[in-house]
PDB file of all heavy atoms in Angstrom:
ATOM      1  N   ALA A   1     -16.903   1.446  -3.603  1.00  0.00           N
ATOM      2  CA  ALA A   1     -17.435   2.799  -3.799  1.00  0.00           C
ATOM      3  C   ALA A   1     -18.699   2.980  -2.968  1.00  0.00           C
ATOM      4  O   ALA A   1     -19.617   2.170  -3.032  1.00  0.00           O
ATOM      5  CB  ALA A   1     -17.755   3.021  -5.281  1.00  0.00           C
ATOM      6  N   LEU A   2     -18.708   4.025  -2.160  1.00  0.00           N
ATOM      7  CA  LEU A   2     -19.908   4.417  -1.422  1.00  0.00           C
ATOM      8  C   LEU A   2     -20.285   5.815  -1.906  1.00  0.00           C
ATOM      9  O   LEU A   2     -19.415   6.690  -1.999  1.00  0.00           O
ATOM     10  CB  LEU A   2     -19.651   4.412   0.085  1.00  0.00           C
ATOM     11  CG  LEU A   2     -19.403   3.027   0.686  1.00  0.00           C
ATOM     12  CD1 LEU A   2     -18.948   3.131   2.128  1.00  0.00           C
ATOM     13  CD2 LEU A   2     -20.672   2.179   0.591  1.00  0.00           C
ATOM     14  N   PRO A   3     -21.560   6.040  -2.217  1.00  0.00           N
ATOM     15  CA  PRO A   3     -21.956   7.299  -2.854  1.00  0.00           C
ATOM     16  C   PRO A   3     -21.750   8.553  -2.006  1.00  0.00           C
ATOM     17  O   PRO A   3     -21.736   9.653  -2.538  1.00  0.00           O
ATOM     18  CB  PRO A   3     -23.438   7.091  -3.174  1.00  0.00           C
ATOM     19  CG  PRO A   3     -23.880   5.973  -2.301  1.00  0.00           C
ATOM     20  CD  PRO A   3     -22.674   5.137  -2.030  1.00  0.00           C
ATOM     21  N   TYR A   4     -21.562   8.401  -0.730  1.00  0.00           N
ATOM     22  CA  TYR A   4     -21.351   9.564   0.143  1.00  0.00           C
ATOM     23  C   TYR A   4     -19.893   9.689   0.603  1.00  0.00           C
ATOM     24  O   TYR A   4     -19.550  10.630   1.304  1.00  0.00           O
ATOM     25  CB  TYR A   4     -22.277   9.506   1.362  1.00  0.00           C
ATOM     26  CG  TYR A   4     -22.126   8.238   2.180  1.00  0.00           C
ATOM     27  CD1 TYR A   4     -21.198   8.157   3.205  1.00  0.00           C
ATOM     28  CD2 TYR A   4     -22.902   7.118   1.895  1.00  0.00           C
ATOM     29  CE1 TYR A   4     -21.038   7.000   3.935  1.00  0.00           C
ATOM     30  CE2 TYR A   4     -22.755   5.956   2.619  1.00  0.00           C
ATOM     31  CZ  TYR A   4     -21.823   5.896   3.628  1.00  0.00           C
ATOM     32  OH  TYR A   4     -21.661   4.747   4.345  1.00  0.00           O
ATOM     33  N   LEU A   5     -19.040   8.747   0.184  1.00  0.00           N
ATOM     34  CA  LEU A   5     -17.606   8.832   0.480  1.00  0.00           C
ATOM     35  C   LEU A   5     -16.872   9.086  -0.832  1.00  0.00           C
ATOM     36  O   LEU A   5     -16.200   8.213  -1.393  1.00  0.00           O
ATOM     37  CB  LEU A   5     -17.100   7.559   1.170  1.00  0.00           C
ATOM     38  CG  LEU A   5     -17.596   7.337   2.591  1.00  0.00           C
ATOM     39  CD1 LEU A   5     -17.077   6.011   3.151  1.00  0.00           C
ATOM     40  CD2 LEU A   5     -17.201   8.489   3.510  1.00  0.00           C
ATOM     41  N   VAL A   6     -17.059  10.300  -1.322  1.00  0.00           N
ATOM     42  CA  VAL A   6     -16.497  10.732  -2.600  1.00  0.00           C
ATOM     43  C   VAL A   6     -15.521  11.877  -2.355  1.00  0.00           C
ATOM     44  O   VAL A   6     -15.459  12.433  -1.261  1.00  0.00           O
ATOM     45  CB  VAL A   6     -17.620  11.181  -3.566  1.00  0.00           C
ATOM     46  CG1 VAL A   6     -18.526  10.006  -3.914  1.00  0.00           C
ATOM     47  CG2 VAL A   6     -18.433  12.317  -2.961  1.00  0.00           C
ATOM     48  N   ALA A   7     -14.789  12.224  -3.381  1.00  0.00           N
ATOM     49  CA  ALA A   7     -13.829  13.322  -3.272  1.00  0.00           C
ATOM     50  C   ALA A   7     -14.567  14.655  -3.157  1.00  0.00           C
ATOM     51  O   ALA A   7     -15.479  14.935  -3.936  1.00  0.00           O
ATOM     52  CB  ALA A   7     -12.915  13.341  -4.489  1.00  0.00           C
ATOM     53  N   VAL A   8     -14.193  15.444  -2.151  1.00  0.00           N
ATOM     54  CA  VAL A   8     -14.729  16.799  -1.991  1.00  0.00           C
ATOM     55  C   VAL A   8     -13.569  17.742  -1.669  1.00  0.00           C
ATOM     56  O   VAL A   8     -12.514  17.315  -1.201  1.00  0.00           O
ATOM     57  CB  VAL A   8     -15.814  16.903  -0.887  1.00  0.00           C
ATOM     58  CG1 VAL A   8     -17.007  15.992  -1.186  1.00  0.00           C
ATOM     59  CG2 VAL A   8     -15.252  16.608   0.485  1.00  0.00           C
ATOM     60  N   ASP A   9     -13.787  19.010  -1.918  1.00  0.00           N
ATOM     61  CA  ASP A   9     -12.787  20.031  -1.623  1.00  0.00           C
ATOM     62  C   ASP A   9     -12.530  20.119  -0.117  1.00  0.00           C
ATOM     63  O   ASP A   9     -13.472  20.094   0.683  1.00  0.00           O
ATOM     64  CB  ASP A   9     -13.264  21.393  -2.138  1.00  0.00           C
ATOM     65  CG  ASP A   9     -12.285  22.494  -1.783  1.00  0.00           C
ATOM     66  OD1 ASP A   9     -11.251  22.589  -2.452  1.00  0.00           O
ATOM     67  OD2 ASP A   9     -12.556  23.241  -0.814  1.00  0.00           O
ATOM     68  N   SER A  10     -11.278  20.203   0.230  1.00  0.00           N
ATOM     69  CA  SER A  10     -10.885  20.438   1.614  1.00  0.00           C
ATOM     70  C   SER A  10      -9.622  21.294   1.599  1.00  0.00           C
ATOM     71  O   SER A  10      -8.645  21.023   2.295  1.00  0.00           O
ATOM     72  CB  SER A  10     -10.662  19.110   2.353  1.00  0.00           C
ATOM     73  OG  SER A  10     -10.612  19.327   3.748  1.00  0.00           O
ATOM     74  N   SER A  11      -9.664  22.343   0.777  1.00  0.00           N
ATOM     75  CA  SER A  11      -8.480  23.166   0.544  1.00  0.00           C
ATOM     76  C   SER A  11      -8.006  23.921   1.782  1.00  0.00           C
ATOM     77  O   SER A  11      -6.859  24.363   1.820  1.00  0.00           O
ATOM     78  CB  SER A  11      -8.708  24.126  -0.620  1.00  0.00           C
ATOM     79  OG  SER A  11      -9.876  24.878  -0.426  1.00  0.00           O
ATOM     80  N   THR A  12      -8.854  24.041   2.809  1.00  0.00           N
ATOM     81  CA  THR A  12      -8.376  24.674   4.045  1.00  0.00           C
ATOM     82  C   THR A  12      -7.270  23.835   4.687  1.00  0.00           C
ATOM     83  O   THR A  12      -6.477  24.360   5.470  1.00  0.00           O
ATOM     84  CB  THR A  12      -9.527  24.869   5.051  1.00  0.00           C
ATOM     85  OG1 THR A  12     -10.150  23.601   5.283  1.00  0.00           O
ATOM     86  CG2 THR A  12     -10.550  25.868   4.539  1.00  0.00           C
ATOM     87  N   ASP A  13      -7.184  22.555   4.329  1.00  0.00           N
ATOM     88  CA  ASP A  13      -6.138  21.682   4.874  1.00  0.00           C
ATOM     89  C   ASP A  13      -4.741  22.113   4.447  1.00  0.00           C
ATOM     90  O   ASP A  13      -3.758  21.750   5.101  1.00  0.00           O
ATOM     91  CB  ASP A  13      -6.365  20.238   4.434  1.00  0.00           C
ATOM     92  CG  ASP A  13      -7.571  19.603   5.096  1.00  0.00           C
ATOM     93  OD1 ASP A  13      -8.168  20.232   5.993  1.00  0.00           O
ATOM     94  OD2 ASP A  13      -7.931  18.475   4.728  1.00  0.00           O
ATOM     95  N   LEU A  14      -4.636  22.864   3.358  1.00  0.00           N
ATOM     96  CA  LEU A  14      -3.323  23.305   2.879  1.00  0.00           C
ATOM     97  C   LEU A  14      -2.606  24.173   3.910  1.00  0.00           C
ATOM     98  O   LEU A  14      -1.388  24.323   3.855  1.00  0.00           O
ATOM     99  CB  LEU A  14      -3.457  24.067   1.562  1.00  0.00           C
ATOM    100  CG  LEU A  14      -4.124  23.310   0.406  1.00  0.00           C
ATOM    101  CD1 LEU A  14      -4.258  24.214  -0.808  1.00  0.00           C
ATOM    102  CD2 LEU A  14      -3.377  22.041   0.066  1.00  0.00           C
ATOM    103  N   ASN A  15      -3.360  24.718   4.858  1.00  0.00           N
ATOM    104  CA  ASN A  15      -2.790  25.569   5.905  1.00  0.00           C
ATOM    105  C   ASN A  15      -2.513  24.815   7.204  1.00  0.00           C
ATOM    106  O   ASN A  15      -2.118  25.425   8.195  1.00  0.00           O
ATOM    107  CB  ASN A  15      -3.729  26.743   6.196  1.00  0.00           C
ATOM    108  CG  ASN A  15      -3.938  27.604   4.973  1.00  0.00           C
ATOM    109  OD1 ASN A  15      -2.994  27.911   4.263  1.00  0.00           O
ATOM    110  ND2 ASN A  15      -5.180  27.971   4.719  1.00  0.00           N
ATOM    111  N   ALA A  16      -2.723  23.512   7.204  1.00  0.00           N
ATOM    112  CA  ALA A  16      -2.559  22.718   8.424  1.00  0.00           C
ATOM    113  C   ALA A  16      -1.088  22.632   8.843  1.00  0.00           C
ATOM    114  O   ALA A  16      -0.183  22.633   8.005  1.00  0.00           O
ATOM    115  CB  ALA A  16      -3.103  21.311   8.213  1.00  0.00           C
ATOM    116  N   ASP A  17      -0.878  22.542  10.142  1.00  0.00           N
ATOM    117  CA  ASP A  17       0.457  22.287  10.662  1.00  0.00           C
ATOM    118  C   ASP A  17       0.932  20.938  10.122  1.00  0.00           C
ATOM    119  O   ASP A  17       0.160  19.971  10.097  1.00  0.00           O
ATOM    120  CB  ASP A  17       0.440  22.236  12.195  1.00  0.00           C
ATOM    121  CG  ASP A  17       0.029  23.561  12.817  1.00  0.00           C
ATOM    122  OD1 ASP A  17       0.233  24.615  12.173  1.00  0.00           O
ATOM    123  OD2 ASP A  17      -0.506  23.537  13.939  1.00  0.00           O
ATOM    124  N   ASN A  18       2.166  20.859   9.693  1.00  0.00           N
ATOM    125  CA  ASN A  18       2.758  19.621   9.164  1.00  0.00           C
ATOM    126  C   ASN A  18       2.012  19.054   7.962  1.00  0.00           C
ATOM    127  O   ASN A  18       1.972  17.834   7.763  1.00  0.00           O
ATOM    128  CB  ASN A  18       2.885  18.558  10.263  1.00  0.00           C
ATOM    129  CG  ASN A  18       3.837  18.992  11.346  1.00  0.00           C
ATOM    130  OD1 ASN A  18       4.938  19.453  11.070  1.00  0.00           O
ATOM    131  ND2 ASN A  18       3.410  18.871  12.594  1.00  0.00           N
ATOM    132  N   TYR A  19       1.392  19.941   7.161  1.00  0.00           N
ATOM    133  CA  TYR A  19       0.725  19.509   5.926  1.00  0.00           C
ATOM    134  C   TYR A  19       1.723  18.771   5.034  1.00  0.00           C
ATOM    135  O   TYR A  19       1.433  17.704   4.518  1.00  0.00           O
ATOM    136  CB  TYR A  19       0.134  20.734   5.212  1.00  0.00           C
ATOM    137  CG  TYR A  19      -0.259  20.478   3.783  1.00  0.00           C
ATOM    138  CD1 TYR A  19      -1.417  19.756   3.489  1.00  0.00           C
ATOM    139  CD2 TYR A  19       0.513  20.943   2.729  1.00  0.00           C
ATOM    140  CE1 TYR A  19      -1.781  19.515   2.185  1.00  0.00           C
ATOM    141  CE2 TYR A  19       0.152  20.702   1.422  1.00  0.00           C
ATOM    142  CZ  TYR A  19      -0.991  19.989   1.156  1.00  0.00           C
ATOM    143  OH  TYR A  19      -1.356  19.738  -0.136  1.00  0.00           O
ATOM    144  N   LEU A  20       2.899  19.357   4.851  1.00  0.00           N
ATOM    145  CA  LEU A  20       3.994  18.694   4.129  1.00  0.00           C
ATOM    146  C   LEU A  20       4.925  18.061   5.150  1.00  0.00           C
ATOM    147  O   LEU A  20       5.270  18.679   6.155  1.00  0.00           O
ATOM    148  CB  LEU A  20       4.800  19.701   3.301  1.00  0.00           C
ATOM    149  CG  LEU A  20       4.188  20.214   2.019  1.00  0.00           C
ATOM    150  CD1 LEU A  20       5.089  21.275   1.397  1.00  0.00           C
ATOM    151  CD2 LEU A  20       3.931  19.095   1.037  1.00  0.00           C
ATOM    152  N   TYR A  21       5.325  16.831   4.876  1.00  0.00           N
ATOM    153  CA  TYR A  21       6.204  16.135   5.806  1.00  0.00           C
ATOM    154  C   TYR A  21       7.139  15.240   4.998  1.00  0.00           C
ATOM    155  O   TYR A  21       6.679  14.470   4.150  1.00  0.00           O
ATOM    156  CB  TYR A  21       5.368  15.295   6.776  1.00  0.00           C
ATOM    157  CG  TYR A  21       6.151  14.702   7.914  1.00  0.00           C
ATOM    158  CD1 TYR A  21       6.444  15.458   9.037  1.00  0.00           C
ATOM    159  CD2 TYR A  21       6.591  13.387   7.871  1.00  0.00           C
ATOM    160  CE1 TYR A  21       7.159  14.922  10.097  1.00  0.00           C
ATOM    161  CE2 TYR A  21       7.303  12.838   8.912  1.00  0.00           C
ATOM    162  CZ  TYR A  21       7.586  13.605  10.027  1.00  0.00           C
ATOM    163  OH  TYR A  21       8.298  13.071  11.070  1.00  0.00           O
ATOM    164  N   THR A  22       8.432  15.339   5.244  1.00  0.00           N
ATOM    165  CA  THR A  22       9.405  14.540   4.511  1.00  0.00           C
ATOM    166  C   THR A  22      10.098  13.570   5.444  1.00  0.00           C
ATOM    167  O   THR A  22      10.510  13.943   6.545  1.00  0.00           O
ATOM    168  CB  THR A  22      10.451  15.450   3.818  1.00  0.00           C
ATOM    169  OG1 THR A  22       9.769  16.316   2.911  1.00  0.00           O
ATOM    170  CG2 THR A  22      11.475  14.630   3.055  1.00  0.00           C
ATOM    171  N   VAL A  23      10.201  12.342   5.007  1.00  0.00           N
ATOM    172  CA  VAL A  23      10.910  11.301   5.746  1.00  0.00           C
ATOM    173  C   VAL A  23      12.034  10.781   4.841  1.00  0.00           C
ATOM    174  O   VAL A  23      11.888  10.740   3.625  1.00  0.00           O
ATOM    175  CB  VAL A  23       9.949  10.174   6.195  1.00  0.00           C
ATOM    176  CG1 VAL A  23       9.341   9.443   5.024  1.00  0.00           C
ATOM    177  CG2 VAL A  23      10.621   9.214   7.128  1.00  0.00           C
ATOM    178  N   GLN A  24      13.146  10.413   5.466  1.00  0.00           N
ATOM    179  CA  GLN A  24      14.312   9.952   4.718  1.00  0.00           C
ATOM    180  C   GLN A  24      14.588   8.485   5.027  1.00  0.00           C
ATOM    181  O   GLN A  24      14.518   8.063   6.173  1.00  0.00           O
ATOM    182  CB  GLN A  24      15.526  10.802   5.097  1.00  0.00           C
ATOM    183  CG  GLN A  24      16.779  10.445   4.350  1.00  0.00           C
ATOM    184  CD  GLN A  24      17.932  11.402   4.672  1.00  0.00           C
ATOM    185  OE1 GLN A  24      17.722  12.472   5.226  1.00  0.00           O
ATOM    186  NE2 GLN A  24      19.133  11.006   4.323  1.00  0.00           N
ATOM    187  N   PHE A  25      14.886   7.724   3.978  1.00  0.00           N
ATOM    188  CA  PHE A  25      15.275   6.328   4.104  1.00  0.00           C
ATOM    189  C   PHE A  25      16.650   6.154   3.468  1.00  0.00           C
ATOM    190  O   PHE A  25      16.876   6.644   2.357  1.00  0.00           O
ATOM    191  CB  PHE A  25      14.311   5.404   3.325  1.00  0.00           C
ATOM    192  CG  PHE A  25      12.944   5.265   3.906  1.00  0.00           C
ATOM    193  CD1 PHE A  25      11.955   6.200   3.659  1.00  0.00           C
ATOM    194  CD2 PHE A  25      12.620   4.147   4.670  1.00  0.00           C
ATOM    195  CE1 PHE A  25      10.684   6.055   4.171  1.00  0.00           C
ATOM    196  CE2 PHE A  25      11.346   3.998   5.191  1.00  0.00           C
ATOM    197  CZ  PHE A  25      10.379   4.947   4.947  1.00  0.00           C
ATOM    198  N   THR A  26      17.540   5.437   4.136  1.00  0.00           N
ATOM    199  CA  THR A  26      18.776   5.050   3.470  1.00  0.00           C
ATOM    200  C   THR A  26      18.409   3.979   2.436  1.00  0.00           C
ATOM    201  O   THR A  26      17.315   3.394   2.485  1.00  0.00           O
ATOM    202  CB  THR A  26      19.798   4.462   4.460  1.00  0.00           C
ATOM    203  OG1 THR A  26      19.266   3.231   4.987  1.00  0.00           O
ATOM    204  CG2 THR A  26      20.126   5.436   5.587  1.00  0.00           C
ATOM    205  N   THR A  27      19.333   3.681   1.549  1.00  0.00           N
ATOM    206  CA  THR A  27      19.090   2.633   0.556  1.00  0.00           C
ATOM    207  C   THR A  27      18.804   1.308   1.256  1.00  0.00           C
ATOM    208  O   THR A  27      17.886   0.576   0.872  1.00  0.00           O
ATOM    209  CB  THR A  27      20.312   2.498  -0.382  1.00  0.00           C
ATOM    210  OG1 THR A  27      20.529   3.761  -1.011  1.00  0.00           O
ATOM    211  CG2 THR A  27      20.085   1.443  -1.448  1.00  0.00           C
ATOM    212  N   GLU A  28      19.543   1.015   2.309  1.00  0.00           N
ATOM    213  CA  GLU A  28      19.351  -0.238   3.048  1.00  0.00           C
ATOM    214  C   GLU A  28      17.982  -0.270   3.731  1.00  0.00           C
ATOM    215  O   GLU A  28      17.306  -1.302   3.737  1.00  0.00           O
ATOM    216  CB  GLU A  28      20.469  -0.430   4.085  1.00  0.00           C
ATOM    217  CG  GLU A  28      21.844  -0.651   3.488  1.00  0.00           C
ATOM    218  CD  GLU A  28      22.484   0.645   2.945  1.00  0.00           C
ATOM    219  OE1 GLU A  28      22.142   1.766   3.395  1.00  0.00           O
ATOM    220  OE2 GLU A  28      23.328   0.526   2.036  1.00  0.00           O
ATOM    221  N   GLN A  29      17.568   0.835   4.333  1.00  0.00           N
ATOM    222  CA  GLN A  29      16.254   0.890   4.980  1.00  0.00           C
ATOM    223  C   GLN A  29      15.135   0.690   3.954  1.00  0.00           C
ATOM    224  O   GLN A  29      14.170  -0.028   4.221  1.00  0.00           O
ATOM    225  CB  GLN A  29      16.057   2.235   5.691  1.00  0.00           C
ATOM    226  CG  GLN A  29      16.889   2.400   6.929  1.00  0.00           C
ATOM    227  CD  GLN A  29      16.849   3.833   7.462  1.00  0.00           C
ATOM    228  OE1 GLN A  29      16.774   4.805   6.697  1.00  0.00           O
ATOM    229  NE2 GLN A  29      16.911   3.961   8.783  1.00  0.00           N
ATOM    230  N   MET A  30      15.274   1.304   2.781  1.00  0.00           N
ATOM    231  CA  MET A  30      14.258   1.154   1.748  1.00  0.00           C
ATOM    232  C   MET A  30      14.227  -0.285   1.240  1.00  0.00           C
ATOM    233  O   MET A  30      13.155  -0.851   1.042  1.00  0.00           O
ATOM    234  CB  MET A  30      14.511   2.132   0.597  1.00  0.00           C
ATOM    235  CG  MET A  30      13.445   2.075  -0.487  1.00  0.00           C
ATOM    236  SD  MET A  30      11.770   2.491   0.104  1.00  0.00           S
ATOM    237  CE  MET A  30      11.932   4.262   0.310  1.00  0.00           C
TER     238      MET A  30
END
């Protein structure tokens, strides 16, 4: 824990390109 590396709001990130990204694995790959 570092006192200046804490959770802060960054809600503008919700509008980022590729904010959501889905990857698929076959059962064998997993």
